[in-house]
Amino acid sequence: MTSPASDAQVVFVGYNAAYLRAIDGSVPSGSVVVIEEPDIIRKRELHDAADRFDCLDRIVPASYQQSAGALDLAAELTATRPVAAVVPGLEYAVPATAALAEKLGLPGATEAAAQALRDKVRLREVSGAGGVRNPRWREVHGPADILEFADGGPVVVKPANRQASVGVQLLDSVDEATAAEAWERTSSAAEYEQVPDRELTWRFLAEERLRGPEFSVEALVREGEVVFENVTAKTVVPGPYPVEQGHLLPAPLDPATQEAFGTAIRKLVAATGFGTGILHAEWILTDEGPTLVECAGRCPGDYLVDLIDLAYGTRIRLTLIDLLAGRPVTLPRSAERTSAIHFLAAEPGTVTGITGLDEAQRLPGVHVAEVDVEAGQEVRPWASSWDRAGHVIATGPDADTTRRRVLDADAAIRIATD
C-alpha cells in the first residue's frame, strides 16, 4: 500500500476521529481535508480539530446529509491541489461521498449504489431483484401498517435510513398497543451530535423477524470485484433492542457456509451496482442460507477494522484510500490469527466506581481494555450502540482461545452503579 502523493489531498466527507488517528503519520502532513456539517462542527466542538492530527489540514463546513451541498465544493477543493480520493467518514456521508467522487472523476461506490445503501427500503428492492435473499418486509407509515404486517406475530420495526441500531426494535408479538408504542419509539429516535439541526426525512419499515446466528461480511471492492472479504460472527444482547455485544473474526465456519457468504456478498455487489470501496453487510444465517439484514458502504464501526487489521496483518483504512485513489493494492487471502471484541455493560444508574481495568489490560492476548464512563456519569439501558460503557479487544491462535480471552477481560472489569 502507498500513501497519497505529497501534492495531493484526500477528502473525507464526515469527521471520523478513529480513522484520522489510524492514518496519522502514515499519510503526508496536511494532506487530509474533512467536510462536515456546520451544526455538527458546533455540537462536537471541532473548530480546532486540525490541531489534533498532523495529517488534517482543515475542516470545511458544508451540508451533506440528505443534501447536495458538498458538491458545490468540487471547484474549491481542486483549485490549489489535486484530490487523490474521496472517502466516506461516516454512515450519513455515503451518498455525498459517492456523488462528489463521480463529479471529480474518481473511483467510488457510484451514486445509485450509495443511495441504496443509505435506505433500507431501496436496498430491499434492488437486492431482492438481484437474487439476494431478504426477509419479508414492507415500508410502514404508522402503527396500523405495523399491526397489519405483523398479523400478531413477531416482527422487526426499524428506521430505513438511520445508523447504529438507533430506533430498531424486536417485537415478540404485536397488538394495537404495542404497535403504537413501537411506532412512537422508532419514529422519535434521535441522534443529537450525529445529525444537523435542519429537518431531515426519515423512512421506516417492518420486517419478518428471522431466527439464526448473526454474521457480517466486510469486503473491499474494486470496480465491482471483491478483492478482500472477511466473515465476522457477532452476538447481540437479548431483548427488544438488537445492540451488538461482541464480534469474533474470522468466523469459524465450515467450507460450505463460508462459500455461501462469499456468493451472497458478490450477488449484493452486483445487485446494487457497487463500484469501488468497502462494504459491511450484516446477515442472519437461516436454514435457507445467508439472509440480508442491512449493508453499509463505509468502514464498519465497533472497531471491526481494528479487529481485521489484528487478524490479517492489514491496514484497511490506508488500503481503502488506495482503492479510492485508483492505486493497486495487495491483500491477504487468509488470517494470521483470530481477534474479538466484547462491549462492556453496567447496571443502569449513576457510576460510583470502576475497578479491574489494569488487571484486564495485563491478561494474555488483550490488546485494548477501555471504559467510556466515569464516576458520576449516568448509565442507561442499552437501546443503541451509543449506550455501551466500554470495550475489550483480544487476539488468539484460534476462535475458542480468543473468545475465552476477551470474556476473561470483560469479567475482570467491574463498573459499579447505584
Protein backbone atom coordinates (compact mmCIF):
# COMPACT_ATOMS: atom_id res chain seq x y z
CA MET A 1 0.00 0.00 0.00
CA THR A 2 1.08 3.56 -0.57
CA SER A 3 0.34 6.94 0.92
CA PRO A 4 -1.09 9.89 -1.03
CA ALA A 5 1.35 11.90 -3.08
CA SER A 6 2.59 14.94 -1.16
CA ASP A 7 0.94 17.33 -3.63
CA ALA A 8 -2.47 15.59 -3.49
CA GLN A 9 -5.13 15.62 -0.84
CA VAL A 10 -7.61 13.08 0.46
CA VAL A 11 -11.09 14.40 1.11
CA PHE A 12 -13.19 12.82 3.86
CA VAL A 13 -16.90 13.51 3.95
CA GLY A 14 -17.76 13.29 7.65
CA TYR A 15 -15.35 13.68 10.57
CA ASN A 16 -14.12 10.33 11.90
CA ALA A 17 -11.52 10.71 14.63
CA ALA A 18 -10.70 6.99 14.76
CA TYR A 19 -9.93 6.94 11.05
CA LEU A 20 -7.74 10.06 11.24
CA ARG A 21 -5.92 8.70 14.29
CA ALA A 22 -5.19 5.43 12.48
CA ILE A 23 -3.66 7.07 9.39
CA ASP A 24 -1.91 9.96 11.15
CA GLY A 25 1.81 9.67 10.50
CA SER A 26 1.27 7.34 7.53
CA VAL A 27 0.00 9.99 5.11
CA PRO A 28 1.71 13.32 4.42
CA SER A 29 1.27 16.19 6.83
CA GLY A 30 -1.74 18.33 5.99
CA SER A 31 -2.90 16.03 3.19
CA VAL A 32 -6.43 15.43 4.55
CA VAL A 33 -9.44 17.71 4.24
CA VAL A 34 -12.70 16.91 6.06
CA ILE A 35 -16.14 18.14 5.00
CA GLU A 36 -18.53 18.38 7.93
CA GLU A 37 -21.96 19.81 8.66
CA PRO A 38 -21.76 23.24 10.34
CA ASP A 39 -24.14 22.12 13.09
CA ILE A 40 -22.02 19.05 13.80
CA ILE A 41 -18.83 21.11 13.91
CA ARG A 42 -20.51 23.19 16.60
CA LYS A 43 -22.03 20.29 18.56
CA ARG A 44 -18.87 18.20 18.56
CA GLU A 45 -16.58 21.21 19.10
CA LEU A 46 -14.48 20.51 16.01
CA HIS A 47 -13.29 24.05 15.35
CA ASP A 48 -9.77 23.14 16.48
CA ALA A 49 -9.77 19.58 15.11
CA ALA A 50 -6.96 20.37 12.66
CA ASP A 51 -4.69 20.85 15.68
CA ARG A 52 -5.35 17.27 16.83
CA PHE A 53 -3.91 15.44 13.80
CA ASP A 54 -0.81 16.18 11.77
CA CYS A 55 -2.45 14.78 8.63
CA LEU A 56 -5.50 17.06 8.87
CA ASP A 57 -5.25 20.36 7.02
CA ARG A 58 -8.70 21.76 7.70
CA ILE A 59 -12.40 21.09 8.18
CA VAL A 60 -14.64 22.66 5.56
CA PRO A 61 -18.24 23.37 6.63
CA ALA A 62 -20.87 22.17 4.14
CA SER A 63 -24.19 20.35 4.13
CA TYR A 64 -24.02 16.71 3.01
CA GLN A 65 -26.66 14.80 4.96
CA GLN A 66 -29.62 14.43 2.60
CA SER A 67 -28.11 17.38 0.75
CA ALA A 68 -26.04 18.07 -2.36
CA GLY A 69 -24.26 20.99 -0.71
CA ALA A 70 -20.87 19.23 -0.64
CA LEU A 71 -20.89 19.03 -4.45
CA ASP A 72 -20.55 22.79 -4.60
CA LEU A 73 -17.09 22.43 -3.07
CA ALA A 74 -15.64 20.48 -6.02
CA ALA A 75 -14.08 23.52 -7.70
CA GLU A 76 -12.76 24.91 -4.40
CA LEU A 77 -11.20 21.60 -3.38
CA THR A 78 -9.31 21.18 -6.65
CA ALA A 79 -8.33 24.82 -7.13
CA THR A 80 -4.92 24.55 -5.48
CA ARG A 81 -4.24 20.81 -5.07
CA PRO A 82 -5.47 17.69 -6.87
CA VAL A 83 -7.80 15.37 -4.97
CA ALA A 84 -6.47 11.79 -4.80
CA ALA A 85 -9.53 10.16 -3.22
CA VAL A 86 -12.88 10.90 -1.62
CA VAL A 87 -13.56 8.73 1.45
CA PRO A 88 -16.82 8.27 3.40
CA GLY A 89 -16.03 9.10 7.01
CA LEU A 90 -19.47 8.36 8.40
CA GLU A 91 -22.63 6.44 7.58
CA TYR A 92 -24.66 9.52 6.70
CA ALA A 93 -21.91 10.70 4.34
CA VAL A 94 -22.04 7.74 1.94
CA PRO A 95 -24.29 9.29 -0.78
CA ALA A 96 -22.49 12.64 -0.78
CA THR A 97 -19.11 10.89 -0.95
CA ALA A 98 -20.15 8.87 -3.98
CA ALA A 99 -21.61 11.92 -5.72
CA LEU A 100 -18.51 14.03 -5.08
CA ALA A 101 -16.19 11.23 -6.29
CA GLU A 102 -18.20 10.93 -9.50
CA LYS A 103 -18.09 14.69 -10.06
CA LEU A 104 -14.30 14.66 -9.62
CA GLY A 105 -13.88 11.60 -11.86
CA LEU A 106 -12.56 9.41 -9.06
CA PRO A 107 -13.39 5.80 -8.09
CA GLY A 108 -16.28 5.39 -5.67
CA ALA A 109 -19.36 3.43 -4.77
CA THR A 110 -21.46 5.03 -7.59
CA GLU A 111 -24.34 7.30 -6.71
CA ALA A 112 -27.01 4.66 -7.36
CA ALA A 113 -25.35 2.11 -5.08
CA ALA A 114 -24.77 4.70 -2.36
CA GLN A 115 -28.43 5.73 -2.37
CA ALA A 116 -29.47 2.08 -2.00
CA LEU A 117 -27.04 1.51 0.85
CA ARG A 118 -28.40 4.50 2.78
CA ASP A 119 -32.07 3.50 2.50
CA LYS A 120 -33.10 0.02 3.60
CA VAL A 121 -36.33 0.25 1.62
CA ARG A 122 -34.37 0.83 -1.58
CA LEU A 123 -31.82 -1.81 -0.55
CA ARG A 124 -34.57 -4.38 -0.12
CA GLU A 125 -35.90 -3.55 -3.57
CA VAL A 126 -32.64 -3.71 -5.52
CA SER A 127 -31.05 -6.61 -3.63
CA GLY A 128 -34.19 -8.74 -3.85
CA ALA A 129 -34.39 -8.07 -7.58
CA GLY A 130 -30.77 -9.19 -7.86
CA GLY A 131 -31.35 -12.56 -6.22
CA VAL A 132 -30.16 -11.71 -2.71
CA ARG A 133 -32.20 -13.48 -0.01
CA ASN A 134 -34.23 -10.96 2.02
CA PRO A 135 -36.82 -11.29 4.78
CA ARG A 136 -40.43 -10.45 4.07
CA TRP A 137 -40.82 -6.67 4.53
CA ARG A 138 -42.84 -3.53 3.85
CA GLU A 139 -42.45 0.19 4.32
CA VAL A 140 -44.61 1.48 7.19
CA HIS A 141 -46.08 4.91 7.87
CA GLY A 142 -47.72 4.37 11.25
CA PRO A 143 -48.96 1.86 13.85
CA ALA A 144 -51.71 0.50 11.58
CA ASP A 145 -49.14 -0.60 9.00
CA ILE A 146 -47.09 -2.38 11.66
CA LEU A 147 -50.15 -4.14 13.02
CA GLU A 148 -51.29 -5.26 9.58
CA PHE A 149 -47.86 -6.50 8.54
CA ALA A 150 -47.16 -8.37 11.78
CA ASP A 151 -50.55 -10.08 11.88
CA GLY A 152 -49.94 -10.72 15.58
CA GLY A 153 -46.61 -12.46 15.11
CA PRO A 154 -43.00 -11.44 15.79
CA VAL A 155 -41.68 -8.52 13.76
CA VAL A 156 -38.77 -6.10 13.47
CA VAL A 157 -39.55 -2.38 13.30
CA LYS A 158 -36.76 -0.04 12.25
CA PRO A 159 -35.86 3.25 10.60
CA ALA A 160 -34.83 2.73 7.00
CA ASN A 161 -32.12 5.39 6.94
CA ARG A 162 -30.59 5.75 10.40
CA GLN A 163 -27.49 4.08 11.89
CA ALA A 164 -26.04 2.25 14.92
CA SER A 165 -29.25 0.29 15.67
CA VAL A 166 -30.96 3.57 16.58
CA GLY A 167 -34.72 3.01 16.72
CA VAL A 168 -34.53 -0.71 15.87
CA GLN A 169 -36.93 -2.89 17.87
CA LEU A 170 -37.63 -6.62 18.04
CA LEU A 171 -41.24 -7.38 18.93
CA ASP A 172 -42.30 -10.87 20.03
CA SER A 173 -45.98 -10.15 19.45
CA VAL A 174 -48.00 -7.20 18.20
CA ASP A 175 -51.36 -5.76 19.17
CA GLU A 176 -52.71 -2.22 18.84
CA ALA A 177 -50.95 -1.01 21.98
CA THR A 178 -47.53 -2.50 21.16
CA ALA A 179 -47.75 -1.29 17.56
CA ALA A 180 -48.46 2.26 18.73
CA GLU A 181 -45.67 2.12 21.30
CA ALA A 182 -43.20 0.69 18.78
CA TRP A 183 -44.04 3.37 16.23
CA GLU A 184 -43.56 6.11 18.80
CA ARG A 185 -40.16 4.80 19.90
CA THR A 186 -38.91 4.19 16.37
CA SER A 187 -40.17 7.40 14.78
CA SER A 188 -38.93 9.58 17.66
CA ALA A 189 -35.40 8.12 17.78
CA ALA A 190 -32.81 10.90 17.83
CA GLU A 191 -29.05 11.40 17.47
CA TYR A 192 -28.22 14.90 18.64
CA GLU A 193 -24.50 15.05 17.79
CA GLN A 194 -24.70 12.93 14.65
CA VAL A 195 -27.16 14.97 12.60
CA PRO A 196 -27.65 18.65 11.71
CA ASP A 197 -30.45 20.70 13.23
CA ARG A 198 -32.35 21.17 9.97
CA GLU A 199 -35.32 18.91 9.29
CA LEU A 200 -34.39 15.59 7.67
CA THR A 201 -36.59 12.93 6.11
CA TRP A 202 -36.78 9.54 7.79
CA ARG A 203 -38.42 6.37 6.45
CA PHE A 204 -39.44 3.26 8.35
CA LEU A 205 -40.08 -0.39 7.66
CA ALA A 206 -41.33 -3.57 9.27
CA GLU A 207 -39.68 -6.90 8.56
CA GLU A 208 -40.15 -10.56 9.23
CA ARG A 209 -38.21 -11.49 12.34
CA LEU A 210 -35.59 -14.04 11.36
CA ARG A 211 -34.07 -16.69 13.61
CA GLY A 212 -30.47 -17.78 13.42
CA PRO A 213 -26.89 -16.78 14.21
CA GLU A 214 -25.80 -13.32 13.05
CA PHE A 215 -22.79 -12.53 10.90
CA SER A 216 -21.33 -9.69 8.88
CA VAL A 217 -19.18 -9.69 5.77
CA GLU A 218 -16.57 -6.98 5.37
CA ALA A 219 -15.46 -6.65 1.76
CA LEU A 220 -13.13 -4.41 -0.21
CA VAL A 221 -14.36 -3.96 -3.78
CA ARG A 222 -12.61 -2.59 -6.86
CA GLU A 223 -14.70 -1.81 -9.94
CA GLY A 224 -17.36 -4.31 -8.87
CA GLU A 225 -14.91 -7.11 -7.99
CA VAL A 226 -14.45 -8.30 -4.41
CA VAL A 227 -10.70 -8.20 -3.68
CA PHE A 228 -10.86 -8.94 0.06
CA GLU A 229 -13.53 -10.45 2.28
CA ASN A 230 -13.89 -11.42 5.91
CA VAL A 231 -16.80 -13.03 7.75
CA THR A 232 -17.42 -11.91 11.33
CA ALA A 233 -19.52 -13.76 13.90
CA LYS A 234 -21.43 -11.43 16.18
CA THR A 235 -23.56 -11.57 19.30
CA VAL A 236 -26.37 -9.21 20.24
CA VAL A 237 -27.97 -8.53 23.59
CA PRO A 238 -31.27 -10.27 24.28
CA GLY A 239 -34.40 -8.17 24.43
CA PRO A 240 -36.20 -5.70 22.18
CA TYR A 241 -33.14 -3.72 21.08
CA PRO A 242 -30.63 -5.74 18.99
CA VAL A 243 -27.50 -3.90 20.10
CA GLU A 244 -24.29 -5.74 19.22
CA GLN A 245 -22.44 -7.10 22.25
CA GLY A 246 -19.40 -8.63 20.59
CA HIS A 247 -17.63 -9.71 17.41
CA LEU A 248 -15.24 -12.56 16.56
CA LEU A 249 -13.31 -12.86 13.30
CA PRO A 250 -12.71 -14.67 11.11
CA ALA A 251 -15.88 -16.55 11.99
CA PRO A 252 -15.23 -20.29 12.49
CA LEU A 253 -17.28 -21.62 9.55
CA ASP A 254 -17.35 -24.84 7.56
CA PRO A 255 -16.31 -24.50 3.89
CA ALA A 256 -19.87 -24.68 2.53
CA THR A 257 -21.10 -21.87 4.79
CA GLN A 258 -18.01 -19.78 4.01
CA GLU A 259 -18.74 -20.19 0.31
CA ALA A 260 -22.39 -19.27 0.84
CA PHE A 261 -21.38 -15.94 2.37
CA GLY A 262 -18.95 -15.32 -0.48
CA THR A 263 -21.69 -15.95 -3.02
CA ALA A 264 -24.11 -13.73 -1.11
CA ILE A 265 -21.77 -10.71 -0.96
CA ARG A 266 -20.99 -10.97 -4.68
CA LYS A 267 -24.69 -11.07 -5.50
CA LEU A 268 -25.16 -7.98 -3.34
CA VAL A 269 -22.34 -6.12 -5.10
CA ALA A 270 -23.85 -6.95 -8.48
CA ALA A 271 -27.42 -6.12 -7.43
CA THR A 272 -26.54 -2.67 -6.11
CA GLY A 273 -24.06 -1.90 -8.87
CA PHE A 274 -21.42 -1.08 -6.26
CA GLY A 275 -18.20 0.17 -7.83
CA THR A 276 -15.17 0.73 -5.57
CA GLY A 277 -14.90 0.98 -1.81
CA ILE A 278 -15.77 -1.01 1.28
CA LEU A 279 -18.94 -2.85 2.29
CA HIS A 280 -20.12 -4.01 5.69
CA ALA A 281 -23.08 -6.33 5.12
CA GLU A 282 -24.99 -7.89 8.00
CA TRP A 283 -26.70 -11.26 7.62
CA ILE A 284 -28.69 -13.82 9.58
CA LEU A 285 -27.86 -17.42 8.73
CA THR A 286 -31.22 -19.14 8.32
CA ASP A 287 -31.93 -22.71 7.24
CA GLU A 288 -32.15 -21.39 3.67
CA GLY A 289 -28.78 -19.65 3.85
CA PRO A 290 -27.48 -16.10 4.49
CA THR A 291 -30.36 -13.59 4.57
CA LEU A 292 -29.61 -9.89 4.30
CA VAL A 293 -30.26 -7.65 7.31
CA GLU A 294 -28.63 -4.43 6.03
CA CYS A 295 -25.47 -3.15 4.39
CA ALA A 296 -23.27 -0.07 4.81
CA GLY A 297 -20.90 1.46 2.27
CA ARG A 298 -18.24 2.79 4.65
CA CYS A 299 -15.74 1.41 7.16
CA PRO A 300 -17.68 -0.52 9.79
CA GLY A 301 -17.90 0.73 13.33
CA ASP A 302 -17.50 -1.30 16.53
CA TYR A 303 -13.70 -1.40 15.95
CA LEU A 304 -14.18 -4.05 13.27
CA VAL A 305 -11.46 -2.50 11.10
CA ASP A 306 -9.05 -2.79 14.03
CA LEU A 307 -10.03 -6.43 14.51
CA ILE A 308 -9.41 -7.14 10.82
CA ASP A 309 -6.01 -5.46 10.98
CA LEU A 310 -5.07 -7.51 14.05
CA ALA A 311 -6.21 -10.79 12.48
CA TYR A 312 -4.93 -10.32 8.92
CA GLY A 313 -1.94 -8.01 9.41
CA THR A 314 -3.56 -5.36 7.21
CA ARG A 315 -4.08 -1.60 7.41
CA ILE A 316 -7.54 -1.47 5.91
CA ARG A 317 -8.06 2.29 6.26
CA LEU A 318 -4.94 3.04 4.20
CA THR A 319 -5.86 0.34 1.70
CA LEU A 320 -9.29 1.88 1.25
CA ILE A 321 -7.67 5.22 0.42
CA ASP A 322 -5.50 3.46 -2.17
CA LEU A 323 -8.54 1.77 -3.72
CA LEU A 324 -10.45 5.05 -3.90
CA ALA A 325 -7.39 6.70 -5.47
CA GLY A 326 -7.23 4.01 -8.16
CA ARG A 327 -3.93 2.62 -6.93
CA PRO A 328 -3.07 -1.12 -6.86
CA VAL A 329 -3.40 -2.96 -3.55
CA THR A 330 -2.14 -6.26 -2.19
CA LEU A 331 -4.30 -8.07 0.34
CA PRO A 332 -4.02 -11.39 2.23
CA ARG A 333 -6.33 -14.29 1.42
CA SER A 334 -6.39 -15.68 4.95
CA ALA A 335 -5.99 -14.51 8.54
CA GLU A 336 -2.90 -14.97 10.69
CA ARG A 337 -4.90 -15.25 13.94
CA THR A 338 -8.36 -14.54 15.34
CA SER A 339 -9.50 -11.39 17.09
CA ALA A 340 -12.53 -10.40 19.12
CA ILE A 341 -14.21 -7.51 20.86
CA HIS A 342 -16.67 -7.51 23.74
CA PHE A 343 -18.56 -4.40 24.80
CA LEU A 344 -18.86 -3.58 28.48
CA ALA A 345 -22.19 -3.29 30.21
CA ALA A 346 -23.21 -1.95 33.60
CA GLU A 347 -26.40 -1.86 35.59
CA PRO A 348 -28.36 1.31 34.75
CA GLY A 349 -27.76 4.09 37.24
CA THR A 350 -25.05 6.50 38.31
CA VAL A 351 -21.47 5.21 38.16
CA THR A 352 -19.94 5.02 41.63
CA GLY A 353 -16.67 3.26 40.84
CA ILE A 354 -14.62 1.33 38.28
CA THR A 355 -12.16 -1.43 39.18
CA GLY A 356 -10.20 -4.15 37.40
CA LEU A 357 -9.14 -2.16 34.33
CA ASP A 358 -5.41 -2.61 34.96
CA GLU A 359 -5.96 -6.31 35.64
CA ALA A 360 -7.81 -6.73 32.35
CA GLN A 361 -5.08 -4.96 30.40
CA ARG A 362 -2.46 -7.42 31.74
CA LEU A 363 -4.32 -10.58 30.72
CA PRO A 364 -2.86 -12.77 27.91
CA GLY A 365 -3.82 -11.68 24.41
CA VAL A 366 -5.58 -8.50 25.50
CA HIS A 367 -4.77 -5.53 23.25
CA VAL A 368 -7.28 -2.97 24.47
CA ALA A 369 -9.36 -2.50 27.61
CA GLU A 370 -11.18 0.81 27.79
CA VAL A 371 -14.03 2.19 29.88
CA ASP A 372 -16.02 5.05 28.38
CA VAL A 373 -17.88 6.10 31.53
CA GLU A 374 -16.66 7.69 34.75
CA ALA A 375 -17.81 8.22 38.31
CA GLY A 376 -20.91 10.39 38.45
CA GLN A 377 -21.96 9.60 34.89
CA GLU A 378 -25.37 8.13 34.14
CA VAL A 379 -25.51 4.66 32.55
CA ARG A 380 -28.65 3.94 30.53
CA PRO A 381 -30.13 0.61 29.45
CA TRP A 382 -28.86 -0.40 26.01
CA ALA A 383 -31.14 0.93 23.28
CA SER A 384 -28.44 1.66 20.68
CA SER A 385 -24.69 1.32 20.18
CA TRP A 386 -24.16 4.70 21.83
CA ASP A 387 -25.21 3.28 25.24
CA ARG A 388 -22.30 0.85 25.72
CA ALA A 389 -19.87 1.51 28.58
CA GLY A 390 -16.56 0.48 27.00
CA HIS A 391 -14.88 -2.45 25.29
CA VAL A 392 -12.10 -5.02 25.40
CA ILE A 393 -10.19 -6.45 22.42
CA ALA A 394 -8.14 -9.66 22.40
CA THR A 395 -6.43 -11.97 19.92
CA GLY A 396 -5.51 -15.64 19.96
CA PRO A 397 -4.44 -18.54 17.78
CA ASP A 398 -7.98 -19.88 17.38
CA ALA A 399 -11.58 -18.87 17.93
CA ASP A 400 -12.06 -20.67 21.25
CA THR A 401 -8.92 -19.17 22.81
CA THR A 402 -9.75 -15.68 21.62
CA ARG A 403 -13.33 -15.89 22.81
CA ARG A 404 -12.17 -17.01 26.27
CA ARG A 405 -9.58 -14.24 26.48
CA VAL A 406 -11.98 -11.44 25.62
CA LEU A 407 -14.60 -12.73 28.06
CA ASP A 408 -11.99 -13.03 30.84
CA ALA A 409 -11.03 -9.41 30.25
CA ASP A 410 -14.68 -8.36 30.36
CA ALA A 411 -15.19 -10.24 33.64
CA ALA A 412 -12.17 -8.54 35.22
CA ILE A 413 -13.69 -5.05 34.81
CA ARG A 414 -16.38 -4.02 37.29
CA ILE A 415 -18.44 -0.87 36.79
CA ALA A 416 -20.43 -0.18 39.96
CA THR A 417 -23.62 1.89 39.82
CA ASP A 418 -26.07 2.89 42.49
